[in-house]
Amino acid sequence: MAMKMRQSLAQLEQEFLHETQQDRGRRESLRKQAVRRSRVRAVQRQRKRGSMRYWVLVLSMVLTALIVTAGMFESLYLLLS
């Protein structure tokens, strides 16, 4: 009986160690996935901000060109009249 008990305890210890190692592996893979998702979200946010900045720049350039053109024609009109 004592021999069986030792074997079952050894077997339980082995299973426990094996399960602990698997759990560590799962935790590590989950951590890596979280880091990967975080990086992807950061890249998406930066791309979105960059796109918005681009369109704000384009819009401000177009508005500036329109204002300058209108001002030039206004001053030309005043000079010629």
C-alpha atoms as a PDB file:
ATOM      1  CA  MET A   1       0.000   0.000   0.000  1.00  0.00           C
ATOM      2  CA  ALA A   2       2.828   2.394   0.845  1.00  0.00           C
ATOM      3  CA  MET A   3       4.399   1.802  -2.571  1.00  0.00           C
ATOM      4  CA  LYS A   4       1.132   2.648  -4.339  1.00  0.00           C
ATOM      5  CA  MET A   5       0.770   5.783  -2.245  1.00  0.00           C
ATOM      6  CA  ARG A   6       4.286   6.932  -3.173  1.00  0.00           C
ATOM      7  CA  GLN A   7       3.625   6.313  -6.849  1.00  0.00           C
ATOM      8  CA  SER A   8       0.348   8.191  -6.794  1.00  0.00           C
ATOM      9  CA  LEU A   9       1.945  11.108  -4.923  1.00  0.00           C
ATOM     10  CA  ALA A  10       4.813  11.198  -7.402  1.00  0.00           C
ATOM     11  CA  GLN A  11       2.324  11.014 -10.236  1.00  0.00           C
ATOM     12  CA  LEU A  12       0.285  13.850  -8.709  1.00  0.00           C
ATOM     13  CA  GLU A  13       3.416  15.951  -8.340  1.00  0.00           C
ATOM     14  CA  GLN A  14       4.356  15.310 -11.958  1.00  0.00           C
ATOM     15  CA  GLU A  15       0.878  16.242 -13.140  1.00  0.00           C
ATOM     16  CA  PHE A  16       0.931  19.356 -10.977  1.00  0.00           C
ATOM     17  CA  LEU A  17       4.299  20.422 -12.388  1.00  0.00           C
ATOM     18  CA  HIS A  18       3.097  19.749 -15.920  1.00  0.00           C
ATOM     19  CA  GLU A  19      -0.082  21.755 -15.362  1.00  0.00           C
ATOM     20  CA  THR A  20       1.903  24.606 -13.787  1.00  0.00           C
ATOM     21  CA  GLN A  21       4.187  24.757 -16.811  1.00  0.00           C
ATOM     22  CA  GLN A  22       1.206  24.770 -19.168  1.00  0.00           C
ATOM     23  CA  ASP A  23      -0.383  27.567 -17.154  1.00  0.00           C
ATOM     24  CA  ARG A  24       2.802  29.629 -17.357  1.00  0.00           C
ATOM     25  CA  GLY A  25       2.886  29.087 -21.102  1.00  0.00           C
ATOM     26  CA  ARG A  26      -0.744  30.180 -21.446  1.00  0.00           C
ATOM     27  CA  ARG A  27      -0.129  33.290 -19.373  1.00  0.00           C
ATOM     28  CA  GLU A  28       2.926  34.186 -21.430  1.00  0.00           C
ATOM     29  CA  SER A  29       1.060  33.731 -24.715  1.00  0.00           C
ATOM     30  CA  LEU A  30      -1.853  35.832 -23.410  1.00  0.00           C
ATOM     31  CA  ARG A  31       0.570  38.560 -22.370  1.00  0.00           C
ATOM     32  CA  LYS A  32       2.209  38.522 -25.799  1.00  0.00           C
ATOM     33  CA  GLN A  33      -1.203  38.729 -27.487  1.00  0.00           C
ATOM     34  CA  ALA A  34      -2.134  41.705 -25.306  1.00  0.00           C
ATOM     35  CA  VAL A  35       1.117  43.466 -26.194  1.00  0.00           C
ATOM     36  CA  ARG A  36       0.513  42.766 -29.892  1.00  0.00           C
ATOM     37  CA  ARG A  37      -3.066  44.098 -29.719  1.00  0.00           C
ATOM     38  CA  SER A  38      -1.844  47.184 -27.897  1.00  0.00           C
ATOM     39  CA  ARG A  39       0.745  47.881 -30.592  1.00  0.00           C
ATOM     40  CA  VAL A  40      -1.825  47.419 -33.352  1.00  0.00           C
ATOM     41  CA  ARG A  41      -4.230  49.829 -31.639  1.00  0.00           C
ATOM     42  CA  ALA A  42      -1.446  52.391 -31.173  1.00  0.00           C
ATOM     43  CA  VAL A  43      -0.538  52.190 -34.868  1.00  0.00           C
ATOM     44  CA  GLN A  44      -4.198  52.572 -35.844  1.00  0.00           C
ATOM     45  CA  ARG A  45      -4.617  55.613 -33.581  1.00  0.00           C
ATOM     46  CA  GLN A  46      -1.477  57.217 -34.978  1.00  0.00           C
ATOM     47  CA  ARG A  47      -2.574  56.547 -38.560  1.00  0.00           C
ATOM     48  CA  LYS A  48      -5.992  58.041 -37.848  1.00  0.00           C
ATOM     49  CA  ARG A  49      -4.434  61.154 -36.263  1.00  0.00           C
ATOM     50  CA  GLY A  50      -2.031  61.500 -39.185  1.00  0.00           C
ATOM     51  CA  SER A  51      -4.882  61.279 -41.675  1.00  0.00           C
ATOM     52  CA  MET A  52      -6.899  63.896 -39.817  1.00  0.00           C
ATOM     53  CA  ARG A  53      -3.883  66.212 -39.618  1.00  0.00           C
ATOM     54  CA  TYR A  54      -3.343  65.818 -43.359  1.00  0.00           C
ATOM     55  CA  TRP A  55      -6.926  66.837 -44.158  1.00  0.00           C
ATOM     56  CA  VAL A  56      -6.777  69.789 -41.756  1.00  0.00           C
ATOM     57  CA  LEU A  57      -3.586  70.917 -43.493  1.00  0.00           C
ATOM     58  CA  VAL A  58      -5.138  70.576 -46.962  1.00  0.00           C
ATOM     59  CA  LEU A  59      -8.262  72.437 -45.872  1.00  0.00           C
ATOM     60  CA  SER A  60      -6.253  75.269 -44.315  1.00  0.00           C
ATOM     61  CA  MET A  61      -4.135  75.615 -47.471  1.00  0.00           C
ATOM     62  CA  VAL A  62      -7.229  75.765 -49.686  1.00  0.00           C
ATOM     63  CA  LEU A  63      -8.887  78.329 -47.407  1.00  0.00           C
ATOM     64  CA  THR A  64      -5.698  80.394 -47.339  1.00  0.00           C
ATOM     65  CA  ALA A  65      -5.504  80.336 -51.142  1.00  0.00           C
ATOM     66  CA  LEU A  66      -9.156  81.402 -51.413  1.00  0.00           C
ATOM     67  CA  ILE A  67      -8.735  84.242 -48.911  1.00  0.00           C
ATOM     68  CA  VAL A  68      -5.561  85.515 -50.580  1.00  0.00           C
ATOM     69  CA  THR A  69      -7.167  85.326 -54.022  1.00  0.00           C
ATOM     70  CA  ALA A  70     -10.265  87.195 -52.821  1.00  0.00           C
ATOM     71  CA  GLY A  71      -8.066  89.809 -51.138  1.00  0.00           C
ATOM     72  CA  MET A  72      -5.995  90.289 -54.278  1.00  0.00           C
ATOM     73  CA  PHE A  73      -9.062  90.781 -56.470  1.00  0.00           C
ATOM     74  CA  GLU A  74     -10.599  93.134 -53.893  1.00  0.00           C
ATOM     75  CA  SER A  75      -7.458  95.274 -53.783  1.00  0.00           C
ATOM     76  CA  LEU A  76      -7.176  95.198 -57.576  1.00  0.00           C
ATOM     77  CA  TYR A  77     -10.788  96.342 -57.831  1.00  0.00           C
ATOM     78  CA  LEU A  78     -10.141  99.184 -55.397  1.00  0.00           C
ATOM     79  CA  LEU A  79      -6.959 100.254 -57.235  1.00  0.00           C
ATOM     80  CA  LEU A  80      -8.593 100.294 -60.677  1.00  0.00           C
ATOM     81  CA  SER A  81     -11.768 102.106 -59.662  1.00  0.00           C
END
